[in-house]
Amino acid sequence: KLPRIINGISYDTPTVDGMDRCQINTRLHYINVEMDKLKAKQAALISARDELDRHVMMQEIDDLANEMFGG
């Protein structure tokens, strides 16, 4: 337990690893915000990769058509 002053009154607050419930919630909020940013970056990268894959596939189809029909 650590003392915590709320409205000028000192309370003994239970803690885990030196953090009380409020500090843990604040840390969890920060982690969730960072996870959302990472998920957005991940989605953008997956989209870019998919676009490159489509481009390669279309190029391969064009190459095959040229081989088959003397394009």
N, C-alpha and C. Protein backbone atom coordinates (compact mmCIF):
# COMPACT_ATOMS: atom_id res chain seq x y z
N LYS A 1 0.85 -1.19 0.00
CA LYS A 1 0.00 0.00 0.00
C LYS A 1 0.89 1.24 0.00
N LEU A 2 0.45 2.20 -0.79
CA LEU A 2 1.14 3.48 -0.84
C LEU A 2 0.18 4.59 -0.43
N PRO A 3 0.69 5.59 0.26
CA PRO A 3 -0.20 6.71 0.59
C PRO A 3 -0.52 7.53 -0.67
N ARG A 4 -1.78 7.92 -0.79
CA ARG A 4 -2.21 8.75 -1.92
C ARG A 4 -3.07 9.87 -1.35
N ILE A 5 -2.77 11.09 -1.74
CA ILE A 5 -3.50 12.24 -1.21
C ILE A 5 -4.61 12.59 -2.19
N ILE A 6 -5.85 12.54 -1.68
CA ILE A 6 -7.02 12.88 -2.48
C ILE A 6 -7.79 13.94 -1.71
N ASN A 7 -7.97 15.10 -2.34
CA ASN A 7 -8.66 16.22 -1.70
C ASN A 7 -8.04 16.57 -0.34
N GLY A 8 -6.73 16.51 -0.28
CA GLY A 8 -6.01 16.89 0.92
C GLY A 8 -5.98 15.83 2.02
N ILE A 9 -6.59 14.68 1.76
CA ILE A 9 -6.62 13.62 2.77
C ILE A 9 -5.75 12.46 2.27
N SER A 10 -4.89 11.93 3.13
CA SER A 10 -4.00 10.84 2.77
C SER A 10 -4.71 9.50 2.98
N TYR A 11 -4.71 8.69 1.94
CA TYR A 11 -5.31 7.35 1.99
C TYR A 11 -4.23 6.33 1.67
N ASP A 12 -4.29 5.18 2.34
CA ASP A 12 -3.42 4.06 1.96
C ASP A 12 -4.10 3.34 0.81
N THR A 13 -3.46 3.33 -0.33
CA THR A 13 -4.03 2.77 -1.54
C THR A 13 -3.32 1.47 -1.89
N PRO A 14 -4.07 0.38 -2.12
CA PRO A 14 -3.42 -0.86 -2.52
C PRO A 14 -2.77 -0.71 -3.90
N THR A 15 -1.62 -1.31 -4.05
CA THR A 15 -0.90 -1.22 -5.32
C THR A 15 -0.38 -2.60 -5.73
N VAL A 16 -0.12 -2.73 -7.02
CA VAL A 16 0.54 -3.91 -7.57
C VAL A 16 1.68 -3.38 -8.43
N ASP A 17 2.87 -3.88 -8.19
CA ASP A 17 4.05 -3.39 -8.91
C ASP A 17 4.18 -1.87 -8.83
N GLY A 18 3.78 -1.29 -7.69
CA GLY A 18 3.94 0.13 -7.47
C GLY A 18 2.88 1.00 -8.14
N MET A 19 1.84 0.37 -8.73
CA MET A 19 0.79 1.14 -9.40
C MET A 19 -0.55 0.88 -8.73
N ASP A 20 -1.32 1.96 -8.53
CA ASP A 20 -2.67 1.79 -8.01
C ASP A 20 -3.63 1.60 -9.19
N ARG A 21 -4.89 1.41 -8.90
CA ARG A 21 -5.88 1.12 -9.93
C ARG A 21 -5.94 2.22 -10.99
N CYS A 22 -5.91 3.46 -10.58
CA CYS A 22 -5.97 4.59 -11.52
C CYS A 22 -4.76 4.57 -12.46
N GLN A 23 -3.58 4.35 -11.92
CA GLN A 23 -2.37 4.30 -12.74
C GLN A 23 -2.40 3.13 -13.72
N ILE A 24 -2.93 1.99 -13.26
CA ILE A 24 -3.05 0.82 -14.15
C ILE A 24 -4.02 1.14 -15.28
N ASN A 25 -5.16 1.76 -14.97
CA ASN A 25 -6.12 2.13 -16.01
C ASN A 25 -5.53 3.11 -17.01
N THR A 26 -4.76 4.06 -16.52
CA THR A 26 -4.11 5.02 -17.42
C THR A 26 -3.13 4.30 -18.34
N ARG A 27 -2.36 3.39 -17.81
CA ARG A 27 -1.40 2.62 -18.61
C ARG A 27 -2.14 1.77 -19.65
N LEU A 28 -3.24 1.12 -19.24
CA LEU A 28 -4.03 0.32 -20.17
C LEU A 28 -4.59 1.17 -21.31
N HIS A 29 -5.06 2.37 -20.97
CA HIS A 29 -5.58 3.27 -22.01
C HIS A 29 -4.48 3.61 -23.01
N TYR A 30 -3.31 3.94 -22.53
CA TYR A 30 -2.18 4.27 -23.41
C TYR A 30 -1.84 3.09 -24.32
N ILE A 31 -1.81 1.89 -23.75
CA ILE A 31 -1.49 0.70 -24.54
C ILE A 31 -2.56 0.48 -25.61
N ASN A 32 -3.84 0.67 -25.26
CA ASN A 32 -4.91 0.51 -26.25
C ASN A 32 -4.79 1.51 -27.39
N VAL A 33 -4.44 2.74 -27.08
CA VAL A 33 -4.24 3.76 -28.12
C VAL A 33 -3.10 3.35 -29.04
N GLU A 34 -2.00 2.88 -28.47
CA GLU A 34 -0.86 2.44 -29.27
C GLU A 34 -1.23 1.22 -30.13
N MET A 35 -2.02 0.30 -29.56
CA MET A 35 -2.44 -0.87 -30.33
C MET A 35 -3.31 -0.47 -31.51
N ASP A 36 -4.19 0.51 -31.32
CA ASP A 36 -5.03 1.00 -32.42
C ASP A 36 -4.17 1.59 -33.53
N LYS A 37 -3.13 2.34 -33.15
CA LYS A 37 -2.22 2.90 -34.15
C LYS A 37 -1.50 1.80 -34.92
N LEU A 38 -1.05 0.77 -34.20
CA LEU A 38 -0.37 -0.35 -34.85
C LEU A 38 -1.31 -1.12 -35.77
N LYS A 39 -2.56 -1.30 -35.35
CA LYS A 39 -3.53 -1.99 -36.20
C LYS A 39 -3.79 -1.21 -37.48
N ALA A 40 -3.85 0.12 -37.39
CA ALA A 40 -4.05 0.95 -38.58
C ALA A 40 -2.84 0.84 -39.52
N LYS A 41 -1.64 0.85 -38.96
CA LYS A 41 -0.44 0.69 -39.78
C LYS A 41 -0.42 -0.68 -40.44
N GLN A 42 -0.81 -1.71 -39.65
CA GLN A 42 -0.85 -3.06 -40.18
C GLN A 42 -1.83 -3.15 -41.35
N ALA A 43 -3.01 -2.58 -41.21
CA ALA A 43 -4.02 -2.61 -42.27
C ALA A 43 -3.51 -1.91 -43.52
N ALA A 44 -2.83 -0.78 -43.36
CA ALA A 44 -2.28 -0.06 -44.51
C ALA A 44 -1.22 -0.88 -45.22
N LEU A 45 -0.37 -1.55 -44.46
CA LEU A 45 0.68 -2.38 -45.06
C LEU A 45 0.09 -3.60 -45.77
N ILE A 46 -0.91 -4.21 -45.18
CA ILE A 46 -1.56 -5.35 -45.83
C ILE A 46 -2.21 -4.91 -47.14
N SER A 47 -2.85 -3.77 -47.12
CA SER A 47 -3.46 -3.23 -48.34
C SER A 47 -2.42 -2.97 -49.42
N ALA A 48 -1.29 -2.39 -49.04
CA ALA A 48 -0.21 -2.12 -50.00
C ALA A 48 0.34 -3.42 -50.56
N ARG A 49 0.53 -4.41 -49.71
CA ARG A 49 1.02 -5.71 -50.17
C ARG A 49 0.03 -6.36 -51.13
N ASP A 50 -1.25 -6.29 -50.81
CA ASP A 50 -2.27 -6.86 -51.69
C ASP A 50 -2.28 -6.17 -53.05
N GLU A 51 -2.09 -4.87 -53.05
CA GLU A 51 -2.04 -4.12 -54.31
C GLU A 51 -0.84 -4.57 -55.15
N LEU A 52 0.30 -4.76 -54.52
CA LEU A 52 1.48 -5.26 -55.24
C LEU A 52 1.23 -6.66 -55.79
N ASP A 53 0.59 -7.51 -54.99
CA ASP A 53 0.27 -8.86 -55.45
C ASP A 53 -0.64 -8.82 -56.67
N ARG A 54 -1.66 -7.93 -56.67
CA ARG A 54 -2.55 -7.80 -57.82
C ARG A 54 -1.78 -7.34 -59.04
N HIS A 55 -0.86 -6.40 -58.84
CA HIS A 55 -0.06 -5.89 -59.95
C HIS A 55 0.78 -7.02 -60.56
N VAL A 56 1.43 -7.81 -59.72
CA VAL A 56 2.26 -8.92 -60.20
C VAL A 56 1.39 -9.93 -60.95
N MET A 57 0.22 -10.23 -60.39
CA MET A 57 -0.67 -11.20 -61.04
C MET A 57 -1.10 -10.70 -62.42
N MET A 58 -1.46 -9.44 -62.52
CA MET A 58 -1.88 -8.88 -63.82
C MET A 58 -0.72 -8.91 -64.81
N GLN A 59 0.48 -8.63 -64.35
CA GLN A 59 1.65 -8.67 -65.22
C GLN A 59 1.89 -10.09 -65.72
N GLU A 60 1.73 -11.08 -64.84
CA GLU A 60 1.91 -12.47 -65.25
C GLU A 60 0.86 -12.89 -66.27
N ILE A 61 -0.38 -12.43 -66.08
CA ILE A 61 -1.44 -12.74 -67.04
C ILE A 61 -1.12 -12.10 -68.40
N ASP A 62 -0.66 -10.86 -68.39
CA ASP A 62 -0.28 -10.18 -69.64
C ASP A 62 0.86 -10.92 -70.32
N ASP A 63 1.86 -11.32 -69.54
CA ASP A 63 3.00 -12.06 -70.12
C ASP A 63 2.55 -13.37 -70.73
N LEU A 64 1.66 -14.09 -70.05
CA LEU A 64 1.15 -15.36 -70.55
C LEU A 64 0.37 -15.15 -71.84
N ALA A 65 -0.47 -14.13 -71.87
CA ALA A 65 -1.25 -13.83 -73.07
C ALA A 65 -0.33 -13.50 -74.24
N ASN A 66 0.73 -12.73 -73.97
CA ASN A 66 1.68 -12.40 -75.03
C ASN A 66 2.38 -13.64 -75.56
N GLU A 67 2.72 -14.56 -74.67
CA GLU A 67 3.36 -15.80 -75.09
C GLU A 67 2.41 -16.65 -75.92
N MET A 68 1.16 -16.73 -75.49
CA MET A 68 0.21 -17.59 -76.18
C MET A 68 -0.23 -17.02 -77.52
N PHE A 69 -0.40 -15.71 -77.58
CA PHE A 69 -0.98 -15.10 -78.77
C PHE A 69 -0.01 -14.19 -79.50
N GLY A 70 1.24 -14.22 -79.11
CA GLY A 70 2.27 -13.44 -79.80
C GLY A 70 2.11 -11.94 -79.68
N GLY A 71 1.50 -11.49 -78.57
CA GLY A 71 1.18 -10.12 -78.27
C GLY A 71 2.06 -9.08 -78.71
